[in-house]
Amino acid sequence: MATLVVEREAHKGIVIGKEGAKLREISRLARADVQEMLGKPVHLEVWVRVKKGWSDDPAAMRKLGYG
């Protein structure tokens, strides 16, 4: 499972794209990367979540793997 975190609801629409096309492309590329790392097929669920102010919150940044 993968979660894409964005700051605003409008960003969510941009990431998802028209009729979900952008999210499908992101998911396809991520799935290919994970399959290459693991050497076997995987099922990957990708979600887009809005979390206001996450990029200004040091704790949230650490939790998401930054810094």
PDB file of N, CA and C in Angstrom:
ATOM      1  N   MET A   1       0.845  -1.171   0.000  1.00  0.00           N
ATOM      2  CA  MET A   1       0.000   0.000   0.000  1.00  0.00           C
ATOM      3  C   MET A   1       0.894   1.238   0.000  1.00  0.00           C
ATOM      4  N   ALA A   2       0.502   2.234  -0.761  1.00  0.00           N
ATOM      5  CA  ALA A   2       1.232   3.502  -0.807  1.00  0.00           C
ATOM      6  C   ALA A   2       0.225   4.640  -0.672  1.00  0.00           C
ATOM      7  N   THR A   3       0.629   5.678   0.041  1.00  0.00           N
ATOM      8  CA  THR A   3      -0.209   6.851   0.207  1.00  0.00           C
ATOM      9  C   THR A   3       0.547   8.077  -0.268  1.00  0.00           C
ATOM     10  N   LEU A   4      -0.060   8.823  -1.156  1.00  0.00           N
ATOM     11  CA  LEU A   4       0.487  10.095  -1.614  1.00  0.00           C
ATOM     12  C   LEU A   4      -0.168  11.175  -0.774  1.00  0.00           C
ATOM     13  N   VAL A   5       0.636  11.957  -0.076  1.00  0.00           N
ATOM     14  CA  VAL A   5       0.109  12.987   0.814  1.00  0.00           C
ATOM     15  C   VAL A   5       0.259  14.346   0.136  1.00  0.00           C
ATOM     16  N   VAL A   6      -0.850  15.073   0.062  1.00  0.00           N
ATOM     17  CA  VAL A   6      -0.857  16.421  -0.510  1.00  0.00           C
ATOM     18  C   VAL A   6      -1.414  17.386   0.526  1.00  0.00           C
ATOM     19  N   GLU A   7      -1.127  18.670   0.340  1.00  0.00           N
ATOM     20  CA  GLU A   7      -1.547  19.663   1.331  1.00  0.00           C
ATOM     21  C   GLU A   7      -2.948  20.207   1.109  1.00  0.00           C
ATOM     22  N   ARG A   8      -3.398  20.229  -0.128  1.00  0.00           N
ATOM     23  CA  ARG A   8      -4.692  20.843  -0.420  1.00  0.00           C
ATOM     24  C   ARG A   8      -5.563  19.919  -1.255  1.00  0.00           C
ATOM     25  N   GLU A   9      -6.855  20.079  -1.096  1.00  0.00           N
ATOM     26  CA  GLU A   9      -7.823  19.293  -1.863  1.00  0.00           C
ATOM     27  C   GLU A   9      -7.601  19.474  -3.366  1.00  0.00           C
ATOM     28  N   ALA A  10      -7.254  20.699  -3.780  1.00  0.00           N
ATOM     29  CA  ALA A  10      -7.005  20.959  -5.208  1.00  0.00           C
ATOM     30  C   ALA A  10      -5.817  20.146  -5.719  1.00  0.00           C
ATOM     31  N   HIS A  11      -4.817  19.928  -4.860  1.00  0.00           N
ATOM     32  CA  HIS A  11      -3.657  19.130  -5.262  1.00  0.00           C
ATOM     33  C   HIS A  11      -4.057  17.682  -5.501  1.00  0.00           C
ATOM     34  N   LYS A  12      -5.008  17.208  -4.718  1.00  0.00           N
ATOM     35  CA  LYS A  12      -5.482  15.834  -4.857  1.00  0.00           C
ATOM     36  C   LYS A  12      -6.018  15.610  -6.273  1.00  0.00           C
ATOM     37  N   GLY A  13      -6.788  16.561  -6.755  1.00  0.00           N
ATOM     38  CA  GLY A  13      -7.328  16.450  -8.114  1.00  0.00           C
ATOM     39  C   GLY A  13      -6.244  16.441  -9.173  1.00  0.00           C
ATOM     40  N   ILE A  14      -5.199  17.211  -8.948  1.00  0.00           N
ATOM     41  CA  ILE A  14      -4.091  17.253  -9.894  1.00  0.00           C
ATOM     42  C   ILE A  14      -3.377  15.901  -9.924  1.00  0.00           C
ATOM     43  N   VAL A  15      -3.136  15.319  -8.760  1.00  0.00           N
ATOM     44  CA  VAL A  15      -2.447  14.031  -8.684  1.00  0.00           C
ATOM     45  C   VAL A  15      -3.293  12.918  -9.300  1.00  0.00           C
ATOM     46  N   ILE A  16      -4.590  12.959  -9.073  1.00  0.00           N
ATOM     47  CA  ILE A  16      -5.471  11.928  -9.627  1.00  0.00           C
ATOM     48  C   ILE A  16      -5.608  12.093 -11.138  1.00  0.00           C
ATOM     49  N   GLY A  17      -5.714  13.332 -11.594  1.00  0.00           N
ATOM     50  CA  GLY A  17      -5.809  13.582 -13.031  1.00  0.00           C
ATOM     51  C   GLY A  17      -7.193  13.315 -13.592  1.00  0.00           C
ATOM     52  N   LYS A  18      -7.335  13.639 -14.857  1.00  0.00           N
ATOM     53  CA  LYS A  18      -8.617  13.455 -15.537  1.00  0.00           C
ATOM     54  C   LYS A  18      -8.945  11.969 -15.607  1.00  0.00           C
ATOM     55  N   GLU A  19     -10.104  11.616 -15.048  1.00  0.00           N
ATOM     56  CA  GLU A  19     -10.599  10.238 -14.997  1.00  0.00           C
ATOM     57  C   GLU A  19      -9.589   9.273 -14.376  1.00  0.00           C
ATOM     58  N   GLY A  20      -8.739   9.790 -13.471  1.00  0.00           N
ATOM     59  CA  GLY A  20      -7.778   8.940 -12.759  1.00  0.00           C
ATOM     60  C   GLY A  20      -6.542   8.567 -13.552  1.00  0.00           C
ATOM     61  N   ALA A  21      -6.342   9.188 -14.706  1.00  0.00           N
ATOM     62  CA  ALA A  21      -5.238   8.797 -15.589  1.00  0.00           C
ATOM     63  C   ALA A  21      -3.868   9.012 -14.945  1.00  0.00           C
ATOM     64  N   LYS A  22      -3.662  10.131 -14.281  1.00  0.00           N
ATOM     65  CA  LYS A  22      -2.358  10.424 -13.685  1.00  0.00           C
ATOM     66  C   LYS A  22      -2.061   9.456 -12.539  1.00  0.00           C
ATOM     67  N   LEU A  23      -3.054   9.185 -11.700  1.00  0.00           N
ATOM     68  CA  LEU A  23      -2.863   8.255 -10.595  1.00  0.00           C
ATOM     69  C   LEU A  23      -2.577   6.842 -11.118  1.00  0.00           C
ATOM     70  N   ARG A  24      -3.242   6.431 -12.172  1.00  0.00           N
ATOM     71  CA  ARG A  24      -2.969   5.121 -12.775  1.00  0.00           C
ATOM     72  C   ARG A  24      -1.520   5.033 -13.251  1.00  0.00           C
ATOM     73  N   GLU A  25      -1.036   6.098 -13.870  1.00  0.00           N
ATOM     74  CA  GLU A  25       0.341   6.122 -14.355  1.00  0.00           C
ATOM     75  C   GLU A  25       1.327   6.075 -13.187  1.00  0.00           C
ATOM     76  N   ILE A  26       1.074   6.866 -12.154  1.00  0.00           N
ATOM     77  CA  ILE A  26       1.926   6.842 -10.957  1.00  0.00           C
ATOM     78  C   ILE A  26       1.935   5.438 -10.362  1.00  0.00           C
ATOM     79  N   SER A  27       0.762   4.824 -10.250  1.00  0.00           N
ATOM     80  CA  SER A  27       0.635   3.485  -9.677  1.00  0.00           C
ATOM     81  C   SER A  27       1.382   2.457 -10.517  1.00  0.00           C
ATOM     82  N   ARG A  28       1.261   2.540 -11.817  1.00  0.00           N
ATOM     83  CA  ARG A  28       1.917   1.592 -12.717  1.00  0.00           C
ATOM     84  C   ARG A  28       3.435   1.669 -12.557  1.00  0.00           C
ATOM     85  N   LEU A  29       3.964   2.889 -12.540  1.00  0.00           N
ATOM     86  CA  LEU A  29       5.414   3.062 -12.409  1.00  0.00           C
ATOM     87  C   LEU A  29       5.920   2.614 -11.037  1.00  0.00           C
ATOM     88  N   ALA A  30       5.161   2.931  -9.981  1.00  0.00           N
ATOM     89  CA  ALA A  30       5.545   2.509  -8.634  1.00  0.00           C
ATOM     90  C   ALA A  30       5.515   0.985  -8.520  1.00  0.00           C
ATOM     91  N   ARG A  31       4.478   0.367  -9.067  1.00  0.00           N
ATOM     92  CA  ARG A  31       4.354  -1.089  -9.030  1.00  0.00           C
ATOM     93  C   ARG A  31       5.540  -1.739  -9.737  1.00  0.00           C
ATOM     94  N   ALA A  32       5.925  -1.200 -10.887  1.00  0.00           N
ATOM     95  CA  ALA A  32       7.064  -1.741 -11.636  1.00  0.00           C
ATOM     96  C   ALA A  32       8.347  -1.643 -10.814  1.00  0.00           C
ATOM     97  N   ASP A  33       8.547  -0.513 -10.137  1.00  0.00           N
ATOM     98  CA  ASP A  33       9.739  -0.338  -9.293  1.00  0.00           C
ATOM     99  C   ASP A  33       9.767  -1.345  -8.146  1.00  0.00           C
ATOM    100  N   VAL A  34       8.629  -1.513  -7.474  1.00  0.00           N
ATOM    101  CA  VAL A  34       8.562  -2.443  -6.341  1.00  0.00           C
ATOM    102  C   VAL A  34       8.781  -3.875  -6.822  1.00  0.00           C
ATOM    103  N   GLN A  35       8.175  -4.239  -7.938  1.00  0.00           N
ATOM    104  CA  GLN A  35       8.350  -5.586  -8.490  1.00  0.00           C
ATOM    105  C   GLN A  35       9.807  -5.837  -8.846  1.00  0.00           C
ATOM    106  N   GLU A  36      10.483  -4.840  -9.388  1.00  0.00           N
ATOM    107  CA  GLU A  36      11.898  -4.978  -9.727  1.00  0.00           C
ATOM    108  C   GLU A  36      12.740  -5.165  -8.462  1.00  0.00           C
ATOM    109  N   MET A  37      12.427  -4.411  -7.411  1.00  0.00           N
ATOM    110  CA  MET A  37      13.171  -4.545  -6.152  1.00  0.00           C
ATOM    111  C   MET A  37      12.979  -5.918  -5.518  1.00  0.00           C
ATOM    112  N   LEU A  38      11.734  -6.411  -5.542  1.00  0.00           N
ATOM    113  CA  LEU A  38      11.418  -7.666  -4.874  1.00  0.00           C
ATOM    114  C   LEU A  38      11.621  -8.889  -5.766  1.00  0.00           C
ATOM    115  N   GLY A  39      11.649  -8.671  -7.070  1.00  0.00           N
ATOM    116  CA  GLY A  39      11.837  -9.778  -7.996  1.00  0.00           C
ATOM    117  C   GLY A  39      10.623 -10.664  -8.164  1.00  0.00           C
ATOM    118  N   LYS A  40       9.451 -10.143  -7.858  1.00  0.00           N
ATOM    119  CA  LYS A  40       8.221 -10.916  -8.029  1.00  0.00           C
ATOM    120  C   LYS A  40       7.043  -9.963  -8.180  1.00  0.00           C
ATOM    121  N   PRO A  41       5.936 -10.438  -8.739  1.00  0.00           N
ATOM    122  CA  PRO A  41       4.755  -9.585  -8.913  1.00  0.00           C
ATOM    123  C   PRO A  41       4.187  -9.124  -7.570  1.00  0.00           C
ATOM    124  N   VAL A  42       3.650  -7.927  -7.553  1.00  0.00           N
ATOM    125  CA  VAL A  42       3.046  -7.388  -6.335  1.00  0.00           C
ATOM    126  C   VAL A  42       1.713  -6.728  -6.667  1.00  0.00           C
ATOM    127  N   HIS A  43       0.863  -6.657  -5.665  1.00  0.00           N
ATOM    128  CA  HIS A  43      -0.377  -5.884  -5.749  1.00  0.00           C
ATOM    129  C   HIS A  43      -0.120  -4.611  -4.955  1.00  0.00           C
ATOM    130  N   LEU A  44      -0.325  -3.455  -5.582  1.00  0.00           N
ATOM    131  CA  LEU A  44      -0.050  -2.187  -4.918  1.00  0.00           C
ATOM    132  C   LEU A  44      -1.299  -1.316  -4.943  1.00  0.00           C
ATOM    133  N   GLU A  45      -1.768  -0.952  -3.770  1.00  0.00           N
ATOM    134  CA  GLU A  45      -2.882  -0.010  -3.656  1.00  0.00           C
ATOM    135  C   GLU A  45      -2.297   1.367  -3.417  1.00  0.00           C
ATOM    136  N   VAL A  46      -2.740   2.357  -4.186  1.00  0.00           N
ATOM    137  CA  VAL A  46      -2.229   3.713  -4.058  1.00  0.00           C
ATOM    138  C   VAL A  46      -3.391   4.636  -3.715  1.00  0.00           C
ATOM    139  N   TRP A  47      -3.216   5.408  -2.649  1.00  0.00           N
ATOM    140  CA  TRP A  47      -4.235   6.333  -2.168  1.00  0.00           C
ATOM    141  C   TRP A  47      -3.677   7.747  -2.162  1.00  0.00           C
ATOM    142  N   VAL A  48      -4.541   8.714  -2.331  1.00  0.00           N
ATOM    143  CA  VAL A  48      -4.162  10.120  -2.227  1.00  0.00           C
ATOM    144  C   VAL A  48      -4.922  10.697  -1.037  1.00  0.00           C
ATOM    145  N   ARG A  49      -4.182  11.248  -0.081  1.00  0.00           N
ATOM    146  CA  ARG A  49      -4.780  11.809   1.125  1.00  0.00           C
ATOM    147  C   ARG A  49      -4.374  13.273   1.277  1.00  0.00           C
ATOM    148  N   VAL A  50      -5.289  14.075   1.826  1.00  0.00           N
ATOM    149  CA  VAL A  50      -5.011  15.479   2.093  1.00  0.00           C
ATOM    150  C   VAL A  50      -4.670  15.621   3.575  1.00  0.00           C
ATOM    151  N   LYS A  51      -3.500  16.209   3.847  1.00  0.00           N
ATOM    152  CA  LYS A  51      -3.097  16.492   5.228  1.00  0.00           C
ATOM    153  C   LYS A  51      -2.563  17.919   5.237  1.00  0.00           C
ATOM    154  N   LYS A  52      -3.407  18.814   5.677  1.00  0.00           N
ATOM    155  CA  LYS A  52      -3.053  20.242   5.664  1.00  0.00           C
ATOM    156  C   LYS A  52      -1.858  20.527   6.558  1.00  0.00           C
ATOM    157  N   GLY A  53      -0.903  21.279   6.025  1.00  0.00           N
ATOM    158  CA  GLY A  53       0.243  21.734   6.794  1.00  0.00           C
ATOM    159  C   GLY A  53       1.321  20.698   7.060  1.00  0.00           C
ATOM    160  N   TRP A  54       1.267  19.537   6.426  1.00  0.00           N
ATOM    161  CA  TRP A  54       2.239  18.488   6.730  1.00  0.00           C
ATOM    162  C   TRP A  54       3.673  18.896   6.401  1.00  0.00           C
ATOM    163  N   SER A  55       3.855  19.706   5.367  1.00  0.00           N
ATOM    164  CA  SER A  55       5.224  20.063   4.976  1.00  0.00           C
ATOM    165  C   SER A  55       5.846  21.096   5.926  1.00  0.00           C
ATOM    166  N   ASP A  56       5.035  21.738   6.778  1.00  0.00           N
ATOM    167  CA  ASP A  56       5.540  22.693   7.767  1.00  0.00           C
ATOM    168  C   ASP A  56       5.668  22.082   9.158  1.00  0.00           C
ATOM    169  N   ASP A  57       5.355  20.795   9.278  1.00  0.00           N
ATOM    170  CA  ASP A  57       5.366  20.108  10.570  1.00  0.00           C
ATOM    171  C   ASP A  57       6.561  19.145  10.624  1.00  0.00           C
ATOM    172  N   PRO A  58       7.597  19.473  11.417  1.00  0.00           N
ATOM    173  CA  PRO A  58       8.791  18.616  11.479  1.00  0.00           C
ATOM    174  C   PRO A  58       8.479  17.168  11.836  1.00  0.00           C
ATOM    175  N   ALA A  59       7.545  16.939  12.744  1.00  0.00           N
ATOM    176  CA  ALA A  59       7.187  15.568  13.127  1.00  0.00           C
ATOM    177  C   ALA A  59       6.560  14.822  11.965  1.00  0.00           C
ATOM    178  N   ALA A  60       5.682  15.486  11.239  1.00  0.00           N
ATOM    179  CA  ALA A  60       5.059  14.857  10.075  1.00  0.00           C
ATOM    180  C   ALA A  60       6.092  14.563   8.994  1.00  0.00           C
ATOM    181  N   MET A  61       7.034  15.472   8.812  1.00  0.00           N
ATOM    182  CA  MET A  61       8.091  15.264   7.821  1.00  0.00           C
ATOM    183  C   MET A  61       8.935  14.040   8.177  1.00  0.00           C
ATOM    184  N   ARG A  62       9.288  13.901   9.449  1.00  0.00           N
ATOM    185  CA  ARG A  62      10.067  12.726   9.881  1.00  0.00           C
ATOM    186  C   ARG A  62       9.276  11.446   9.690  1.00  0.00           C
ATOM    187  N   LYS A  63       7.999  11.479  10.033  1.00  0.00           N
ATOM    188  CA  LYS A  63       7.144  10.305   9.894  1.00  0.00           C
ATOM    189  C   LYS A  63       7.044   9.852   8.445  1.00  0.00           C
ATOM    190  N   LEU A  64       7.091  10.808   7.526  1.00  0.00           N
ATOM    191  CA  LEU A  64       7.001  10.496   6.102  1.00  0.00           C
ATOM    192  C   LEU A  64       8.369  10.224   5.468  1.00  0.00           C
ATOM    193  N   GLY A  65       9.420  10.232   6.299  1.00  0.00           N
ATOM    194  CA  GLY A  65      10.739   9.865   5.809  1.00  0.00           C
ATOM    195  C   GLY A  65      11.621  11.001   5.353  1.00  0.00           C
ATOM    196  N   TYR A  66      11.255  12.227   5.689  1.00  0.00           N
ATOM    197  CA  TYR A  66      12.071  13.392   5.339  1.00  0.00           C
ATOM    198  C   TYR A  66      12.762  13.923   6.583  1.00  0.00           C
ATOM    199  N   GLY A  67      14.055  14.124   6.482  1.00  0.00           N
ATOM    200  CA  GLY A  67      14.800  14.760   7.576  1.00  0.00           C
ATOM    201  C   GLY A  67      15.062  13.980   8.759  1.00  0.00           C
TER     202      GLY A  67
END
